Amino acid sequence: MSTLAYEIVDVFTDRPFAGNPLAVVFGAEKLATEQMQALALEFNLSETVFVLSPTQVGATYRARIFTPAEELPFAGHPSVGAAVTASRRGMFGVGRVTQECGAGVLPIEVTETGAVLTGGTPTLGPELDPEPLLEMAGLTAADHAGPAPRVAGCGLEFPYLPVRPDAVARARVNAAAAEQYGVEHVSVFSWDAATQTAHARVFVPGLGVPEDPATGSAALGLGVWLVASGLLPGEGRSEYAVRQGVEIKRPSSLACTVTAAGGVAVGATVAGHVMPVARGEIAVPPFVG
């Protein structure tokens, strides 16, 4: 029976059994997409990443990222976890590397304990009616706080719904509302201006992930939203933090920056630690394509 090496790591935490668990699989160059998807479903984590040889000039490696339901062009915690785990396995050293993925070739600064990921080109949508997002999150109009929701991202877009601090813990996915409005995911958060910290929860029912413990891509896009909403400066580089996963007993900490010019975000980074938890081998699923 053919097998592949894998590691399980916890991302965006400085201790094991917290943060966002991730399966990192090596040596899968010959697998078809259907086989990778089958492995992601077998691990049944929010994401599984396959570290492959690059196909683009200038890339250190290629990452293919899967939820249990489908492949993603980009995601934050798989990118951070893949880079650090591959470095620890001796594929490359610490320092600057470049990851090829569906969002392009992205720079990552790898350290001994974690990594800093630079997101893709920032995107920002128009203001949204908060009612569908509130209904999807099991909240009411009284829970909405601050500027209007908008879709934003740095490689993977999310709708951002700002709410009162007490509403974050009360949020619950309303799957029927999500299906009715065609909303696959949402970031529900409160903002503490004094500490420049967001307390966030990210629900992704459309991709088979009821709630994500730590979402690097959503943390990146939040910076775009914060600048557009006037909650972070429209010029220069600002730091902010995201706390996530507390409600599902996977506390996570994401350290972020956003750079703005002319009132518009032009770049963002997210950083965090990576803790090894397990390693082993998994059977290669039969090709059924």
C-alpha atoms as a PDB file:
ATOM      1  CA  MET A   1       0.000   0.000   0.000  1.00  0.00           C
ATOM      2  CA  SER A   2       1.374   3.407  -0.975  1.00  0.00           C
ATOM      3  CA  THR A   3       1.478   6.024   1.764  1.00  0.00           C
ATOM      4  CA  LEU A   4       2.230   9.719   2.157  1.00  0.00           C
ATOM      5  CA  ALA A   5       3.955  11.478   5.045  1.00  0.00           C
ATOM      6  CA  TYR A   6       1.898  14.019   6.944  1.00  0.00           C
ATOM      7  CA  GLU A   7       2.104  16.209  10.013  1.00  0.00           C
ATOM      8  CA  ILE A   8      -0.611  17.742  12.166  1.00  0.00           C
ATOM      9  CA  VAL A   9       0.217  21.199  13.488  1.00  0.00           C
ATOM     10  CA  ASP A  10      -1.707  23.807  15.456  1.00  0.00           C
ATOM     11  CA  VAL A  11      -1.471  27.254  13.864  1.00  0.00           C
ATOM     12  CA  PHE A  12      -1.818  30.702  15.456  1.00  0.00           C
ATOM     13  CA  THR A  13      -1.065  29.450  18.957  1.00  0.00           C
ATOM     14  CA  ASP A  14       2.020  29.129  21.148  1.00  0.00           C
ATOM     15  CA  ARG A  15       0.801  25.912  22.790  1.00  0.00           C
ATOM     16  CA  PRO A  16      -0.470  22.611  21.391  1.00  0.00           C
ATOM     17  CA  PHE A  17      -4.161  21.715  21.371  1.00  0.00           C
ATOM     18  CA  ALA A  18      -5.183  25.297  20.722  1.00  0.00           C
ATOM     19  CA  GLY A  19      -5.285  27.424  17.581  1.00  0.00           C
ATOM     20  CA  ASN A  20      -6.352  25.944  14.258  1.00  0.00           C
ATOM     21  CA  PRO A  21      -5.298  22.347  13.530  1.00  0.00           C
ATOM     22  CA  LEU A  22      -3.899  21.668  10.077  1.00  0.00           C
ATOM     23  CA  ALA A  23      -2.859  18.565   8.156  1.00  0.00           C
ATOM     24  CA  VAL A  24       0.280  19.113   6.061  1.00  0.00           C
ATOM     25  CA  VAL A  25       0.851  16.378   3.460  1.00  0.00           C
ATOM     26  CA  PHE A  26       4.109  15.785   1.573  1.00  0.00           C
ATOM     27  CA  GLY A  27       5.052  13.865  -1.570  1.00  0.00           C
ATOM     28  CA  ALA A  28       1.658  14.102  -3.262  1.00  0.00           C
ATOM     29  CA  GLU A  29       2.859  15.289  -6.694  1.00  0.00           C
ATOM     30  CA  LYS A  30       1.303  12.308  -8.485  1.00  0.00           C
ATOM     31  CA  LEU A  31      -2.109  12.543  -6.829  1.00  0.00           C
ATOM     32  CA  ALA A  32      -5.161  13.693  -8.754  1.00  0.00           C
ATOM     33  CA  THR A  33      -7.341  16.453  -7.368  1.00  0.00           C
ATOM     34  CA  GLU A  34      -9.991  13.892  -6.406  1.00  0.00           C
ATOM     35  CA  GLN A  35      -7.460  11.972  -4.324  1.00  0.00           C
ATOM     36  CA  MET A  36      -6.364  15.126  -2.513  1.00  0.00           C
ATOM     37  CA  GLN A  37      -9.988  15.958  -1.801  1.00  0.00           C
ATOM     38  CA  ALA A  38     -10.528  12.453  -0.418  1.00  0.00           C
ATOM     39  CA  LEU A  39      -7.587  12.899   1.955  1.00  0.00           C
ATOM     40  CA  ALA A  40      -8.898  16.277   3.112  1.00  0.00           C
ATOM     41  CA  LEU A  41     -12.227  14.663   3.894  1.00  0.00           C
ATOM     42  CA  GLU A  42     -10.440  11.866   5.753  1.00  0.00           C
ATOM     43  CA  PHE A  43      -8.529  14.320   7.952  1.00  0.00           C
ATOM     44  CA  ASN A  44     -11.787  16.300   8.306  1.00  0.00           C
ATOM     45  CA  LEU A  45     -10.054  19.441   9.561  1.00  0.00           C
ATOM     46  CA  SER A  46     -10.981  22.924   8.414  1.00  0.00           C
ATOM     47  CA  GLU A  47      -8.128  22.674   5.893  1.00  0.00           C
ATOM     48  CA  THR A  48      -5.532  20.235   4.609  1.00  0.00           C
ATOM     49  CA  VAL A  49      -2.550  21.521   2.629  1.00  0.00           C
ATOM     50  CA  PHE A  50      -0.388  19.619   0.153  1.00  0.00           C
ATOM     51  CA  VAL A  51       3.199  20.874  -0.168  1.00  0.00           C
ATOM     52  CA  LEU A  52       4.342  20.325  -3.759  1.00  0.00           C
ATOM     53  CA  SER A  53       7.122  21.296  -6.138  1.00  0.00           C
ATOM     54  CA  PRO A  54       6.577  24.770  -7.624  1.00  0.00           C
ATOM     55  CA  THR A  55       5.434  25.325 -11.199  1.00  0.00           C
ATOM     56  CA  GLN A  56       6.030  29.090 -11.327  1.00  0.00           C
ATOM     57  CA  VAL A  57       9.394  30.798 -11.616  1.00  0.00           C
ATOM     58  CA  GLY A  58      10.493  32.330  -8.333  1.00  0.00           C
ATOM     59  CA  ALA A  59       8.325  30.160  -6.086  1.00  0.00           C
ATOM     60  CA  THR A  60       9.963  28.098  -3.338  1.00  0.00           C
ATOM     61  CA  TYR A  61       7.118  25.576  -3.233  1.00  0.00           C
ATOM     62  CA  ARG A  62       3.502  25.137  -4.253  1.00  0.00           C
ATOM     63  CA  ALA A  63       0.586  24.743  -1.847  1.00  0.00           C
ATOM     64  CA  ARG A  64      -2.791  23.243  -2.700  1.00  0.00           C
ATOM     65  CA  ILE A  65      -5.356  23.846   0.016  1.00  0.00           C
ATOM     66  CA  PHE A  66      -8.550  21.850   0.587  1.00  0.00           C
ATOM     67  CA  THR A  67     -11.453  22.047   3.000  1.00  0.00           C
ATOM     68  CA  PRO A  68     -13.424  18.823   3.514  1.00  0.00           C
ATOM     69  CA  ALA A  69     -15.707  20.022   0.699  1.00  0.00           C
ATOM     70  CA  GLU A  70     -13.569  21.794  -1.930  1.00  0.00           C
ATOM     71  CA  GLU A  71     -10.244  23.308  -2.943  1.00  0.00           C
ATOM     72  CA  LEU A  72      -9.442  26.928  -2.042  1.00  0.00           C
ATOM     73  CA  PRO A  73      -7.176  29.305  -3.964  1.00  0.00           C
ATOM     74  CA  PHE A  74      -5.684  30.600  -0.727  1.00  0.00           C
ATOM     75  CA  ALA A  75      -6.058  30.438   3.041  1.00  0.00           C
ATOM     76  CA  GLY A  76      -4.028  31.887   5.872  1.00  0.00           C
ATOM     77  CA  HIS A  77      -3.457  29.169   8.430  1.00  0.00           C
ATOM     78  CA  PRO A  78      -2.535  26.526   5.805  1.00  0.00           C
ATOM     79  CA  SER A  79      -0.027  28.952   4.277  1.00  0.00           C
ATOM     80  CA  VAL A  80       1.624  29.721   7.616  1.00  0.00           C
ATOM     81  CA  GLY A  81       1.508  26.085   8.744  1.00  0.00           C
ATOM     82  CA  ALA A  82       2.843  24.685   5.469  1.00  0.00           C
ATOM     83  CA  ALA A  83       5.789  27.084   5.328  1.00  0.00           C
ATOM     84  CA  VAL A  84       6.899  26.452   8.901  1.00  0.00           C
ATOM     85  CA  THR A  85       6.419  22.673   8.730  1.00  0.00           C
ATOM     86  CA  ALA A  86       8.287  22.365   5.427  1.00  0.00           C
ATOM     87  CA  SER A  87      11.132  24.439   6.854  1.00  0.00           C
ATOM     88  CA  ARG A  88      11.340  22.248   9.940  1.00  0.00           C
ATOM     89  CA  ARG A  89      11.531  19.178   7.687  1.00  0.00           C
ATOM     90  CA  GLY A  90      14.572  20.668   5.953  1.00  0.00           C
ATOM     91  CA  MET A  91      12.998  21.608   2.621  1.00  0.00           C
ATOM     92  CA  PHE A  92      14.365  25.147   3.092  1.00  0.00           C
ATOM     93  CA  GLY A  93      15.720  27.264   5.914  1.00  0.00           C
ATOM     94  CA  VAL A  94      14.249  30.108   7.908  1.00  0.00           C
ATOM     95  CA  GLY A  95      13.928  33.477   6.234  1.00  0.00           C
ATOM     96  CA  ARG A  96      11.985  34.664   3.207  1.00  0.00           C
ATOM     97  CA  VAL A  97      10.303  32.058   0.997  1.00  0.00           C
ATOM     98  CA  THR A  98       7.608  32.327  -1.658  1.00  0.00           C
ATOM     99  CA  GLN A  99       4.499  30.177  -1.826  1.00  0.00           C
ATOM    100  CA  GLU A 100       2.755  29.444  -5.102  1.00  0.00           C
ATOM    101  CA  CYS A 101      -1.001  29.047  -4.683  1.00  0.00           C
ATOM    102  CA  GLY A 102      -4.239  29.938  -6.422  1.00  0.00           C
ATOM    103  CA  ALA A 103      -3.891  33.568  -5.309  1.00  0.00           C
ATOM    104  CA  GLY A 104      -0.456  33.932  -6.924  1.00  0.00           C
ATOM    105  CA  VAL A 105       3.075  33.792  -5.535  1.00  0.00           C
ATOM    106  CA  LEU A 106       3.025  35.162  -1.989  1.00  0.00           C
ATOM    107  CA  PRO A 107       5.999  35.991   0.259  1.00  0.00           C
ATOM    108  CA  ILE A 108       6.268  34.371   3.687  1.00  0.00           C
ATOM    109  CA  GLU A 109       8.895  35.130   6.323  1.00  0.00           C
ATOM    110  CA  VAL A 110       9.621  31.911   8.228  1.00  0.00           C
ATOM    111  CA  THR A 111      11.073  31.985  11.739  1.00  0.00           C
ATOM    112  CA  GLU A 112      11.967  29.241  14.210  1.00  0.00           C
ATOM    113  CA  THR A 113       8.545  29.463  15.863  1.00  0.00           C
ATOM    114  CA  GLY A 114       6.158  30.660  13.170  1.00  0.00           C
ATOM    115  CA  ALA A 115       5.780  32.824  10.102  1.00  0.00           C
ATOM    116  CA  VAL A 116       4.608  36.161   8.732  1.00  0.00           C
ATOM    117  CA  LEU A 117       2.389  35.873   5.657  1.00  0.00           C
ATOM    118  CA  THR A 118       1.872  38.742   3.226  1.00  0.00           C
ATOM    119  CA  GLY A 119      -1.585  38.599   1.695  1.00  0.00           C
ATOM    120  CA  GLY A 120      -2.520  39.130  -1.917  1.00  0.00           C
ATOM    121  CA  THR A 121      -3.845  42.319  -3.479  1.00  0.00           C
ATOM    122  CA  PRO A 122      -6.503  43.907  -1.227  1.00  0.00           C
ATOM    123  CA  THR A 123     -10.077  43.966  -2.518  1.00  0.00           C
ATOM    124  CA  LEU A 124     -13.106  45.799  -1.163  1.00  0.00           C
ATOM    125  CA  GLY A 125     -16.787  45.617  -2.027  1.00  0.00           C
ATOM    126  CA  PRO A 126     -19.676  48.051  -1.488  1.00  0.00           C
ATOM    127  CA  GLU A 127     -21.578  48.453   1.759  1.00  0.00           C
ATOM    128  CA  LEU A 128     -24.021  45.620   2.493  1.00  0.00           C
ATOM    129  CA  ASP A 129     -27.393  45.344   4.157  1.00  0.00           C
ATOM    130  CA  PRO A 130     -26.573  43.879   7.596  1.00  0.00           C
ATOM    131  CA  GLU A 131     -29.893  42.041   7.982  1.00  0.00           C
ATOM    132  CA  PRO A 132     -29.041  38.847   6.013  1.00  0.00           C
ATOM    133  CA  LEU A 133     -25.680  38.516   7.766  1.00  0.00           C
ATOM    134  CA  LEU A 134     -27.239  39.108  11.181  1.00  0.00           C
ATOM    135  CA  GLU A 135     -29.877  36.472  10.476  1.00  0.00           C
ATOM    136  CA  MET A 136     -27.215  34.020   9.316  1.00  0.00           C
ATOM    137  CA  ALA A 137     -25.325  34.608  12.575  1.00  0.00           C
ATOM    138  CA  GLY A 138     -28.441  34.214  14.724  1.00  0.00           C
ATOM    139  CA  LEU A 139     -28.358  37.867  15.794  1.00  0.00           C
ATOM    140  CA  THR A 140     -30.688  40.861  15.563  1.00  0.00           C
ATOM    141  CA  ALA A 141     -30.454  44.453  14.380  1.00  0.00           C
ATOM    142  CA  ALA A 142     -29.762  45.556  17.964  1.00  0.00           C
ATOM    143  CA  ASP A 143     -26.507  43.569  17.881  1.00  0.00           C
ATOM    144  CA  HIS A 144     -25.070  45.430  14.885  1.00  0.00           C
ATOM    145  CA  ALA A 145     -22.410  47.982  15.833  1.00  0.00           C
ATOM    146  CA  GLY A 146     -20.346  50.463  13.902  1.00  0.00           C
ATOM    147  CA  PRO A 147     -19.952  50.884  10.151  1.00  0.00           C
ATOM    148  CA  ALA A 148     -21.806  48.880   7.533  1.00  0.00           C
ATOM    149  CA  PRO A 149     -20.739  45.344   6.638  1.00  0.00           C
ATOM    150  CA  ARG A 150     -18.645  44.971   3.501  1.00  0.00           C
ATOM    151  CA  VAL A 151     -16.845  42.203   1.658  1.00  0.00           C
ATOM    152  CA  ALA A 152     -13.062  42.533   1.742  1.00  0.00           C
ATOM    153  CA  GLY A 153     -10.047  40.313   1.298  1.00  0.00           C
ATOM    154  CA  CYS A 154      -6.400  39.786   0.421  1.00  0.00           C
ATOM    155  CA  GLY A 155      -6.673  36.642  -1.681  1.00  0.00           C
ATOM    156  CA  LEU A 156      -9.862  35.212  -0.174  1.00  0.00           C
ATOM    157  CA  GLU A 157     -12.844  37.477   0.476  1.00  0.00           C
ATOM    158  CA  PHE A 158     -15.162  37.510   3.498  1.00  0.00           C
ATOM    159  CA  PRO A 159     -18.178  39.594   4.489  1.00  0.00           C
ATOM    160  CA  TYR A 160     -17.364  41.453   7.730  1.00  0.00           C
ATOM    161  CA  LEU A 161     -20.150  42.016  10.247  1.00  0.00           C
ATOM    162  CA  PRO A 162     -19.253  44.304  13.189  1.00  0.00           C
ATOM    163  CA  VAL A 163     -21.321  43.621  16.304  1.00  0.00           C
ATOM    164  CA  ARG A 164     -21.513  44.605  19.968  1.00  0.00           C
ATOM    165  CA  PRO A 165     -18.954  42.851  22.218  1.00  0.00           C
ATOM    166  CA  ASP A 166     -21.627  40.839  24.031  1.00  0.00           C
ATOM    167  CA  ALA A 167     -23.055  39.590  20.729  1.00  0.00           C
ATOM    168  CA  VAL A 168     -19.924  37.736  19.619  1.00  0.00           C
ATOM    169  CA  ALA A 169     -20.386  34.875  22.087  1.00  0.00           C
ATOM    170  CA  ARG A 170     -24.103  34.642  21.265  1.00  0.00           C
ATOM    171  CA  ALA A 171     -23.595  34.208  17.531  1.00  0.00           C
ATOM    172  CA  ARG A 172     -24.822  30.882  16.134  1.00  0.00           C
ATOM    173  CA  VAL A 173     -24.928  29.752  12.522  1.00  0.00           C
ATOM    174  CA  ASN A 174     -28.403  29.745  11.008  1.00  0.00           C
ATOM    175  CA  ALA A 175     -27.817  27.278   8.174  1.00  0.00           C
ATOM    176  CA  ALA A 176     -31.227  27.901   6.622  1.00  0.00           C
ATOM    177  CA  ALA A 177     -30.573  31.641   6.424  1.00  0.00           C
ATOM    178  CA  ALA A 178     -27.105  31.058   5.001  1.00  0.00           C
ATOM    179  CA  GLU A 179     -28.579  28.902   2.253  1.00  0.00           C
ATOM    180  CA  GLN A 180     -31.461  31.303   1.628  1.00  0.00           C
ATOM    181  CA  TYR A 181     -29.165  34.291   1.136  1.00  0.00           C
ATOM    182  CA  GLY A 182     -26.368  32.357  -0.577  1.00  0.00           C
ATOM    183  CA  VAL A 183     -23.782  33.342   2.033  1.00  0.00           C
ATOM    184  CA  GLU A 184     -21.026  30.727   2.352  1.00  0.00           C
ATOM    185  CA  HIS A 185     -19.072  32.414   5.145  1.00  0.00           C
ATOM    186  CA  VAL A 186     -19.010  35.444   7.419  1.00  0.00           C
ATOM    187  CA  SER A 187     -16.653  37.053   9.930  1.00  0.00           C
ATOM    188  CA  VAL A 188     -18.548  38.271  13.000  1.00  0.00           C
ATOM    189  CA  PHE A 189     -16.452  40.488  15.248  1.00  0.00           C
ATOM    190  CA  SER A 190     -16.316  43.251  17.823  1.00  0.00           C
ATOM    191  CA  TRP A 191     -13.651  45.951  17.720  1.00  0.00           C
ATOM    192  CA  ASP A 192     -11.773  47.384  20.693  1.00  0.00           C
ATOM    193  CA  ALA A 193     -10.325  50.682  19.469  1.00  0.00           C
ATOM    194  CA  ALA A 194      -8.229  51.199  22.614  1.00  0.00           C
ATOM    195  CA  THR A 195      -6.219  48.012  22.084  1.00  0.00           C
ATOM    196  CA  GLN A 196      -6.782  47.737  18.313  1.00  0.00           C
ATOM    197  CA  THR A 197      -8.000  44.191  18.816  1.00  0.00           C
ATOM    198  CA  ALA A 198     -10.853  42.311  17.167  1.00  0.00           C
ATOM    199  CA  HIS A 199     -12.672  39.482  18.932  1.00  0.00           C
ATOM    200  CA  ALA A 200     -13.773  37.427  15.952  1.00  0.00           C
ATOM    201  CA  ARG A 201     -15.681  34.321  15.018  1.00  0.00           C
ATOM    202  CA  VAL A 202     -15.649  32.998  11.461  1.00  0.00           C
ATOM    203  CA  PHE A 203     -18.459  30.747  10.267  1.00  0.00           C
ATOM    204  CA  VAL A 204     -17.994  28.835   7.001  1.00  0.00           C
ATOM    205  CA  PRO A 205     -21.028  26.563   6.595  1.00  0.00           C
ATOM    206  CA  GLY A 206     -20.838  26.674   2.800  1.00  0.00           C
ATOM    207  CA  LEU A 207     -17.451  24.922   2.804  1.00  0.00           C
ATOM    208  CA  GLY A 208     -18.198  22.260   5.389  1.00  0.00           C
ATOM    209  CA  VAL A 209     -16.620  24.198   8.289  1.00  0.00           C
ATOM    210  CA  PRO A 210     -19.275  25.285  10.834  1.00  0.00           C
ATOM    211  CA  GLU A 211     -16.787  27.484  12.728  1.00  0.00           C
ATOM    212  CA  ASP A 212     -13.096  28.070  12.093  1.00  0.00           C
ATOM    213  CA  PRO A 213     -10.814  28.396  15.148  1.00  0.00           C
ATOM    214  CA  ALA A 214      -8.369  30.817  13.463  1.00  0.00           C
ATOM    215  CA  THR A 215      -8.676  32.301   9.990  1.00  0.00           C
ATOM    216  CA  GLY A 216      -5.602  34.039   8.632  1.00  0.00           C
ATOM    217  CA  SER A 217      -7.265  35.066   5.378  1.00  0.00           C
ATOM    218  CA  ALA A 218     -10.141  36.676   7.288  1.00  0.00           C
ATOM    219  CA  ALA A 219      -7.670  38.458   9.574  1.00  0.00           C
ATOM    220  CA  LEU A 220      -5.951  39.923   6.501  1.00  0.00           C
ATOM    221  CA  GLY A 221      -9.197  41.127   4.952  1.00  0.00           C
ATOM    222  CA  LEU A 222     -10.283  42.634   8.256  1.00  0.00           C
ATOM    223  CA  GLY A 223      -7.457  45.146   7.946  1.00  0.00           C
ATOM    224  CA  VAL A 224      -8.830  46.222   4.569  1.00  0.00           C
ATOM    225  CA  TRP A 225     -12.279  46.679   6.126  1.00  0.00           C
ATOM    226  CA  LEU A 226     -10.890  48.582   9.128  1.00  0.00           C
ATOM    227  CA  VAL A 227      -9.110  51.104   6.905  1.00  0.00           C
ATOM    228  CA  ALA A 228     -12.136  51.521   4.634  1.00  0.00           C
ATOM    229  CA  SER A 229     -14.375  52.031   7.675  1.00  0.00           C
ATOM    230  CA  GLY A 230     -12.106  54.662   9.222  1.00  0.00           C
ATOM    231  CA  LEU A 231     -11.197  52.547  12.251  1.00  0.00           C
ATOM    232  CA  LEU A 232      -7.514  52.405  11.286  1.00  0.00           C
ATOM    233  CA  PRO A 233      -5.502  55.218   9.658  1.00  0.00           C
ATOM    234  CA  GLY A 234      -5.747  55.740   5.918  1.00  0.00           C
ATOM    235  CA  GLU A 235      -2.018  56.408   5.651  1.00  0.00           C
ATOM    236  CA  GLY A 236       0.963  54.335   6.728  1.00  0.00           C
ATOM    237  CA  ARG A 237       1.292  51.010   8.520  1.00  0.00           C
ATOM    238  CA  SER A 238      -0.954  50.024  11.431  1.00  0.00           C
ATOM    239  CA  GLU A 239      -0.837  47.035  13.744  1.00  0.00           C
ATOM    240  CA  TYR A 240      -3.896  45.186  14.987  1.00  0.00           C
ATOM    241  CA  ALA A 241      -4.653  41.852  16.621  1.00  0.00           C
ATOM    242  CA  VAL A 242      -7.356  39.227  16.206  1.00  0.00           C
ATOM    243  CA  ARG A 243      -8.522  36.895  18.973  1.00  0.00           C
ATOM    244  CA  GLN A 244     -10.519  33.931  17.722  1.00  0.00           C
ATOM    245  CA  GLY A 245     -11.560  30.402  18.669  1.00  0.00           C
ATOM    246  CA  VAL A 246     -12.312  31.098  22.335  1.00  0.00           C
ATOM    247  CA  GLU A 247     -15.933  29.971  22.097  1.00  0.00           C
ATOM    248  CA  ILE A 248     -14.971  26.570  20.657  1.00  0.00           C
ATOM    249  CA  LYS A 249     -12.109  26.022  23.120  1.00  0.00           C
ATOM    250  CA  ARG A 250      -9.375  26.610  20.521  1.00  0.00           C
ATOM    251  CA  PRO A 251      -8.030  30.046  21.549  1.00  0.00           C
ATOM    252  CA  SER A 252      -5.995  31.651  18.795  1.00  0.00           C
ATOM    253  CA  SER A 253      -3.922  34.792  18.418  1.00  0.00           C
ATOM    254  CA  LEU A 254      -3.220  36.467  15.083  1.00  0.00           C
ATOM    255  CA  ALA A 255      -0.851  39.455  14.865  1.00  0.00           C
ATOM    256  CA  CYS A 256      -1.616  41.627  11.850  1.00  0.00           C
ATOM    257  CA  THR A 257      -0.564  44.754  10.016  1.00  0.00           C
ATOM    258  CA  VAL A 258      -2.232  46.758   7.275  1.00  0.00           C
ATOM    259  CA  THR A 259      -0.576  49.386   5.102  1.00  0.00           C
ATOM    260  CA  ALA A 260      -2.713  52.153   3.618  1.00  0.00           C
ATOM    261  CA  ALA A 261      -2.259  55.013   1.184  1.00  0.00           C
ATOM    262  CA  GLY A 262      -4.838  57.625   0.267  1.00  0.00           C
ATOM    263  CA  GLY A 263      -7.416  56.067   2.563  1.00  0.00           C
ATOM    264  CA  VAL A 264      -7.181  52.659   0.893  1.00  0.00           C
ATOM    265  CA  ALA A 265      -5.469  49.485   2.105  1.00  0.00           C
ATOM    266  CA  VAL A 266      -2.619  48.475  -0.198  1.00  0.00           C
ATOM    267  CA  GLY A 267      -1.222  45.491   1.719  1.00  0.00           C
ATOM    268  CA  ALA A 268      -1.627  43.371   4.840  1.00  0.00           C
ATOM    269  CA  THR A 269       0.247  40.734   6.814  1.00  0.00           C
ATOM    270  CA  VAL A 270      -0.723  38.115   9.384  1.00  0.00           C
ATOM    271  CA  ALA A 271       1.664  36.311  11.722  1.00  0.00           C
ATOM    272  CA  GLY A 272       1.477  33.523  14.249  1.00  0.00           C
ATOM    273  CA  HIS A 273       3.167  30.563  15.879  1.00  0.00           C
ATOM    274  CA  VAL A 274       2.989  26.954  14.687  1.00  0.00           C
ATOM    275  CA  MET A 275       3.025  24.054  17.157  1.00  0.00           C
ATOM    276  CA  PRO A 276       3.728  20.462  16.026  1.00  0.00           C
ATOM    277  CA  VAL A 277       1.266  17.905  17.382  1.00  0.00           C
ATOM    278  CA  ALA A 278       1.520  14.647  15.420  1.00  0.00           C
ATOM    279  CA  ARG A 279       3.132  13.009  12.414  1.00  0.00           C
ATOM    280  CA  GLY A 280       2.685   9.790  10.514  1.00  0.00           C
ATOM    281  CA  GLU A 281       1.752   8.218   7.199  1.00  0.00           C
ATOM    282  CA  ILE A 282      -1.608   7.970   5.482  1.00  0.00           C
ATOM    283  CA  ALA A 283      -2.678   5.641   2.698  1.00  0.00           C
ATOM    284  CA  VAL A 284      -3.076   7.017  -0.809  1.00  0.00           C
ATOM    285  CA  PRO A 285      -6.765   6.793  -1.723  1.00  0.00           C
ATOM    286  CA  PRO A 286      -7.644   4.974  -4.947  1.00  0.00           C
ATOM    287  CA  PHE A 287      -8.164   7.147  -8.000  1.00  0.00           C
ATOM    288  CA  VAL A 288     -11.869   7.337  -8.762  1.00  0.00           C
ATOM    289  CA  GLY A 289     -11.934  10.148 -11.329  1.00  0.00           C
END
